[in-house]
Amino acid sequence: MGKINSLVAITGARGFVGSHVTELFTRRRIPFASYTGDITNAKELQSFMKRTKPSILLHLAGITDPTAHTVTQVNIAGTCLTLESAWRNGVRKIIFASSCAVYGKPLHSTGSLESDPLLPESMYGKSKAEAEKIIAQFSGVHKLTAIILRFTSMYGPDAAKGVIAKLMRSIHATQSITVYGDGTQSRQFLHVSDASEAIYRSLAYRSSLTVNITTRPVYSVNDLVGILAKKYRFSIRHKPAENDILHTNLDGELAASALGFTPKHTLLEKELFAL
């Protein structure tokens, strides 16, 4: 990749992914400005964009709150306000952190493809799918480049949410874990440093693109428990399953061909023990 000279405005810069992205950008001398305010506050957004005059918007801000009102207000209305403010102040490229939740249940054993229909089953997934639609329409009208990154489940240092973070926190706090259902629910687990690398690579991509950002292999909850049991002693409680989506699985071929992205942290056992 060549040198990136354009200023990148980052929403959600203090979040889990955002904090790792800003560290990477600092190391690689990518100019950026962090917006740490409320993305539903149009006045704050306008002031920030007017002051910094970015060329690229990296939109990471969002919430996973299951309530319809809150997730709609932030993930949909907040995205609209962010897009409008960014465009009015010179942004020509948008990079958006979406989610595997937009797909719902995978239609293929090899993983969901970018061309698959979006059938989200959670409010969070629906809000991300709607935000994607808005970004596509907005960028089409204003002739902007839009890159949609559909991330699989993430983990890594300082993670507060997700299956792995919950298991690790429970082990350290109570020497016990809770397994919901029979433990056969499966996910791909992407290290946050790999997610940051995918974002970095998208800076130089010149066309609009919707792409899965994922890793291999797929692990079940039972697999995670088995890995953790090699290092930690803990008891196991079982409760009824809370999540209707038993499996998520993304195909990552397009990311490899378009962005040259290949995850480096694929040995989950080694990475878990480093947390």
Protein backbone atom coordinates (compact mmCIF):
# COMPACT_ATOMS: atom_id res chain seq x y z
CA MET A 1 0.00 0.00 0.00
CA GLY A 2 1.08 3.53 -0.74
CA LYS A 3 1.16 6.28 1.84
CA ILE A 4 -2.23 7.56 3.01
CA ASN A 5 -2.21 11.34 3.30
CA SER A 6 -5.96 11.96 3.58
CA LEU A 7 -7.32 12.79 7.02
CA VAL A 8 -9.61 10.09 8.42
CA ALA A 9 -12.43 11.05 10.79
CA ILE A 10 -13.16 8.16 13.18
CA THR A 11 -16.41 7.81 15.08
CA GLY A 12 -16.38 5.38 17.99
CA ALA A 13 -12.64 5.91 18.43
CA ARG A 14 -12.79 5.09 22.15
CA GLY A 15 -14.56 1.78 21.61
CA PHE A 16 -13.02 -1.68 21.47
CA VAL A 17 -12.26 -1.65 17.74
CA GLY A 18 -11.70 2.10 17.58
CA SER A 19 -8.99 2.12 20.22
CA HIS A 20 -7.04 -0.57 18.37
CA VAL A 21 -7.51 1.17 15.02
CA THR A 22 -6.19 4.47 16.36
CA GLU A 23 -3.13 2.66 17.74
CA LEU A 24 -2.49 1.09 14.33
CA PHE A 25 -3.01 4.38 12.50
CA THR A 26 -0.61 6.12 14.89
CA ARG A 27 2.08 3.49 14.28
CA ARG A 28 1.64 3.74 10.52
CA ARG A 29 1.39 7.52 10.54
CA ILE A 30 -2.11 7.70 9.12
CA PRO A 31 -3.56 11.16 9.84
CA PHE A 32 -6.82 10.90 11.77
CA ALA A 33 -9.17 12.83 14.01
CA SER A 34 -11.25 11.06 16.68
CA TYR A 35 -14.86 12.02 17.24
CA THR A 36 -15.72 10.96 20.79
CA GLY A 37 -19.06 12.72 21.09
CA ASP A 38 -22.64 11.62 20.53
CA ILE A 39 -23.42 10.71 16.90
CA THR A 40 -27.05 11.69 17.47
CA ASN A 41 -25.97 15.26 18.26
CA ALA A 42 -26.02 17.08 14.91
CA LYS A 43 -24.47 20.27 16.31
CA GLU A 44 -21.48 18.43 17.82
CA LEU A 45 -20.96 16.43 14.63
CA GLN A 46 -21.08 19.53 12.44
CA SER A 47 -18.62 21.36 14.67
CA PHE A 48 -16.17 18.44 14.59
CA MET A 49 -16.38 17.90 10.82
CA LYS A 50 -16.09 21.60 10.08
CA ARG A 51 -13.02 21.90 12.31
CA THR A 52 -11.17 18.81 11.03
CA LYS A 53 -12.22 18.76 7.35
CA PRO A 54 -11.64 15.02 6.78
CA SER A 55 -11.55 13.31 3.39
CA ILE A 56 -12.48 9.85 4.72
CA LEU A 57 -15.10 8.87 7.28
CA LEU A 58 -14.47 5.70 9.28
CA HIS A 59 -17.81 5.07 10.98
CA LEU A 60 -17.30 2.65 13.88
CA ALA A 61 -19.78 4.12 16.37
CA GLY A 62 -22.82 2.03 17.21
CA ILE A 63 -24.51 0.04 19.95
CA THR A 64 -25.78 -3.52 20.39
CA ASP A 65 -28.67 -2.58 22.68
CA PRO A 66 -31.58 -4.95 21.93
CA THR A 67 -34.31 -2.34 22.42
CA ALA A 68 -35.79 -1.05 19.19
CA HIS A 69 -35.89 2.62 20.14
CA THR A 70 -32.30 2.94 21.34
CA VAL A 71 -30.65 0.90 18.59
CA THR A 72 -32.68 2.71 15.93
CA GLN A 73 -31.84 6.13 17.34
CA VAL A 74 -28.09 5.47 17.41
CA ASN A 75 -27.33 2.99 14.62
CA ILE A 76 -29.76 4.38 12.05
CA ALA A 77 -30.55 8.02 12.89
CA GLY A 78 -27.00 8.58 14.18
CA THR A 79 -25.57 7.18 10.95
CA CYS A 80 -27.76 9.53 8.90
CA LEU A 81 -26.56 12.55 10.87
CA THR A 82 -22.93 11.44 10.61
CA LEU A 83 -23.15 10.95 6.84
CA GLU A 84 -24.78 14.32 6.28
CA SER A 85 -22.26 16.21 8.37
CA ALA A 86 -19.29 14.39 6.84
CA TRP A 87 -20.44 15.00 3.27
CA ARG A 88 -21.15 18.68 3.88
CA ASN A 89 -17.58 19.12 5.09
CA GLY A 90 -15.75 17.41 2.24
CA VAL A 91 -15.73 13.64 2.92
CA ARG A 92 -15.54 11.65 -0.31
CA LYS A 93 -15.17 8.16 1.10
CA ILE A 94 -17.08 6.24 3.77
CA ILE A 95 -15.89 3.08 5.53
CA PHE A 96 -18.59 1.50 7.67
CA ALA A 97 -18.26 -1.22 10.30
CA SER A 98 -21.19 -3.55 9.74
CA SER A 99 -21.76 -7.03 11.12
CA CYS A 100 -22.38 -10.67 10.28
CA ALA A 101 -25.72 -10.15 12.08
CA VAL A 102 -27.15 -8.68 8.86
CA TYR A 103 -27.33 -12.18 7.33
CA GLY A 104 -29.30 -14.08 9.93
CA LYS A 105 -28.86 -17.84 9.50
CA PRO A 106 -26.17 -18.76 6.93
CA LEU A 107 -27.51 -20.20 3.68
CA HIS A 108 -24.35 -22.13 2.76
CA SER A 109 -22.14 -24.53 4.65
CA THR A 110 -19.09 -22.64 3.37
CA GLY A 111 -20.36 -19.38 4.86
CA SER A 112 -22.56 -16.42 3.96
CA LEU A 113 -21.61 -14.63 0.75
CA GLU A 114 -21.78 -10.88 0.23
CA SER A 115 -24.43 -11.46 -2.45
CA ASP A 116 -26.74 -13.37 -0.09
CA PRO A 117 -30.05 -11.76 0.94
CA LEU A 118 -30.00 -9.92 4.26
CA LEU A 119 -32.37 -11.65 6.71
CA PRO A 120 -31.37 -10.30 10.13
CA GLU A 121 -33.13 -11.75 13.15
CA SER A 122 -32.07 -9.29 15.85
CA MET A 123 -32.74 -5.59 16.27
CA TYR A 124 -29.00 -5.00 16.11
CA GLY A 125 -28.73 -6.90 12.81
CA LYS A 126 -31.72 -5.05 11.39
CA SER A 127 -30.25 -1.70 12.36
CA LYS A 128 -26.93 -2.54 10.68
CA ALA A 129 -28.70 -3.73 7.53
CA GLU A 130 -30.73 -0.52 7.40
CA ALA A 131 -27.58 1.57 7.94
CA GLU A 132 -25.92 -0.25 5.04
CA LYS A 133 -28.90 0.58 2.82
CA ILE A 134 -28.79 4.24 3.82
CA ILE A 135 -25.05 4.46 3.15
CA ALA A 136 -25.45 2.85 -0.28
CA GLN A 137 -28.23 5.29 -1.22
CA PHE A 138 -26.43 8.32 0.20
CA SER A 139 -23.15 7.50 -1.52
CA GLY A 140 -24.96 6.89 -4.81
CA VAL A 141 -26.74 10.24 -4.73
CA HIS A 142 -23.61 12.18 -3.75
CA LYS A 143 -21.14 10.09 -5.78
CA LEU A 144 -19.09 8.96 -2.80
CA THR A 145 -17.05 5.79 -2.38
CA ALA A 146 -18.60 3.49 0.24
CA ILE A 147 -16.93 0.44 1.73
CA ILE A 148 -19.06 -1.80 3.96
CA LEU A 149 -17.07 -4.17 6.18
CA ARG A 150 -19.19 -7.01 7.58
CA PHE A 151 -17.23 -8.25 10.58
CA THR A 152 -17.62 -11.61 12.24
CA SER A 153 -17.44 -11.95 16.06
CA MET A 154 -14.37 -10.24 17.47
CA TYR A 155 -12.14 -10.73 20.49
CA GLY A 156 -8.88 -9.42 21.84
CA PRO A 157 -7.31 -7.32 24.60
CA ASP A 158 -9.76 -5.06 26.45
CA ALA A 159 -12.87 -6.61 24.86
CA ALA A 160 -15.93 -6.02 27.03
CA LYS A 161 -18.47 -7.92 24.94
CA GLY A 162 -18.70 -11.17 23.01
CA VAL A 163 -18.59 -14.85 23.87
CA ILE A 164 -14.87 -15.01 24.60
CA ALA A 165 -14.85 -11.87 26.74
CA LYS A 166 -17.78 -13.14 28.80
CA LEU A 167 -16.15 -16.54 29.37
CA MET A 168 -12.81 -15.04 30.37
CA ARG A 169 -14.42 -12.52 32.70
CA SER A 170 -16.49 -15.21 34.39
CA ILE A 171 -13.51 -17.52 34.87
CA HIS A 172 -11.43 -14.79 36.48
CA ALA A 173 -14.28 -13.51 38.67
CA THR A 174 -16.04 -16.70 39.79
CA GLN A 175 -14.00 -19.66 38.52
CA SER A 176 -17.13 -20.79 36.70
CA ILE A 177 -18.79 -20.31 33.31
CA THR A 178 -22.32 -20.53 31.99
CA VAL A 179 -23.01 -22.46 28.79
CA TYR A 180 -26.31 -21.63 27.14
CA GLY A 181 -28.00 -24.50 25.36
CA ASP A 182 -25.94 -27.55 24.46
CA GLY A 183 -22.81 -25.57 23.55
CA THR A 184 -22.88 -26.48 19.87
CA GLN A 185 -23.51 -22.87 18.82
CA SER A 186 -20.66 -21.89 16.54
CA ARG A 187 -18.90 -18.71 15.47
CA GLN A 188 -15.77 -17.47 13.75
CA PHE A 189 -13.61 -15.39 16.07
CA LEU A 190 -11.61 -12.55 14.53
CA HIS A 191 -8.80 -10.97 16.51
CA VAL A 192 -9.23 -7.20 16.80
CA SER A 193 -5.77 -6.58 15.35
CA ASP A 194 -6.84 -8.43 12.19
CA ALA A 195 -10.02 -6.34 12.07
CA SER A 196 -7.86 -3.21 12.32
CA GLU A 197 -5.66 -4.43 9.48
CA ALA A 198 -8.72 -4.93 7.25
CA ILE A 199 -9.83 -1.38 8.00
CA TYR A 200 -6.35 -0.08 7.19
CA ARG A 201 -6.36 -1.91 3.86
CA SER A 202 -9.74 -0.47 2.95
CA LEU A 203 -8.30 3.07 3.11
CA ALA A 204 -6.52 2.60 -0.20
CA TYR A 205 -9.28 0.69 -2.00
CA ARG A 206 -10.61 3.00 -4.70
CA SER A 207 -14.07 1.59 -5.46
CA SER A 208 -17.22 0.96 -3.47
CA LEU A 209 -17.28 -2.50 -1.92
CA THR A 210 -19.26 -4.66 0.47
CA VAL A 211 -17.09 -7.38 1.96
CA ASN A 212 -17.00 -9.95 4.75
CA ILE A 213 -14.11 -9.66 7.20
CA THR A 214 -13.66 -13.01 8.86
CA THR A 215 -11.30 -15.83 9.71
CA ARG A 216 -11.08 -19.62 9.94
CA PRO A 217 -11.88 -22.07 11.42
CA VAL A 218 -15.33 -22.10 13.03
CA TYR A 219 -15.44 -22.86 16.78
CA SER A 220 -18.34 -24.02 18.91
CA VAL A 221 -18.85 -22.89 22.49
CA ASN A 222 -17.86 -26.41 23.55
CA ASP A 223 -14.61 -25.98 21.60
CA LEU A 224 -13.88 -22.77 23.51
CA VAL A 225 -14.60 -24.46 26.84
CA GLY A 226 -12.23 -27.29 25.94
CA ILE A 227 -9.45 -24.84 25.01
CA LEU A 228 -9.88 -22.80 28.20
CA ALA A 229 -9.92 -25.94 30.34
CA LYS A 230 -6.32 -26.61 29.30
CA LYS A 231 -5.20 -23.57 31.28
CA TYR A 232 -7.93 -22.73 33.81
CA ARG A 233 -9.92 -24.62 36.41
CA PHE A 234 -13.63 -23.77 36.47
CA SER A 235 -17.06 -25.26 36.96
CA ILE A 236 -19.74 -25.23 34.26
CA ARG A 237 -23.40 -24.22 34.63
CA HIS A 238 -25.95 -24.88 31.90
CA LYS A 239 -28.91 -22.64 31.08
CA PRO A 240 -31.45 -22.55 28.22
CA ALA A 241 -30.19 -20.95 25.02
CA GLU A 242 -30.87 -17.21 24.66
CA ASN A 243 -29.81 -16.68 21.02
CA ASP A 244 -31.93 -18.10 18.20
CA ILE A 245 -29.02 -17.94 15.73
CA LEU A 246 -27.08 -21.13 16.40
CA HIS A 247 -24.35 -20.63 13.82
CA THR A 248 -22.65 -17.74 12.04
CA ASN A 249 -20.19 -18.40 9.27
CA LEU A 250 -18.86 -15.93 6.71
CA ASP A 251 -17.04 -16.61 3.46
CA GLY A 252 -13.85 -14.55 3.33
CA GLU A 253 -12.70 -15.03 -0.26
CA LEU A 254 -13.66 -11.56 -1.47
CA ALA A 255 -11.63 -9.86 1.27
CA ALA A 256 -8.59 -11.84 0.20
CA SER A 257 -8.94 -11.00 -3.49
CA ALA A 258 -10.11 -7.38 -3.23
CA LEU A 259 -8.25 -6.11 -0.17
CA GLY A 260 -5.42 -8.62 0.02
CA PHE A 261 -6.61 -9.33 3.56
CA THR A 262 -5.63 -12.57 5.27
CA PRO A 263 -6.02 -12.86 9.06
CA LYS A 264 -2.79 -13.58 10.92
CA HIS A 265 -4.23 -14.62 14.29
CA THR A 266 -5.79 -17.99 13.45
CA LEU A 267 -4.46 -20.11 16.32
CA LEU A 268 -7.22 -19.38 18.80
CA GLU A 269 -5.68 -21.43 21.62
CA LYS A 270 -2.46 -19.38 21.49
CA GLU A 271 -4.37 -16.08 21.32
CA LEU A 272 -6.73 -16.92 24.18
CA PHE A 273 -3.89 -17.75 26.52
CA ALA A 274 -2.28 -14.39 25.68
CA LEU A 275 -5.31 -12.40 26.86
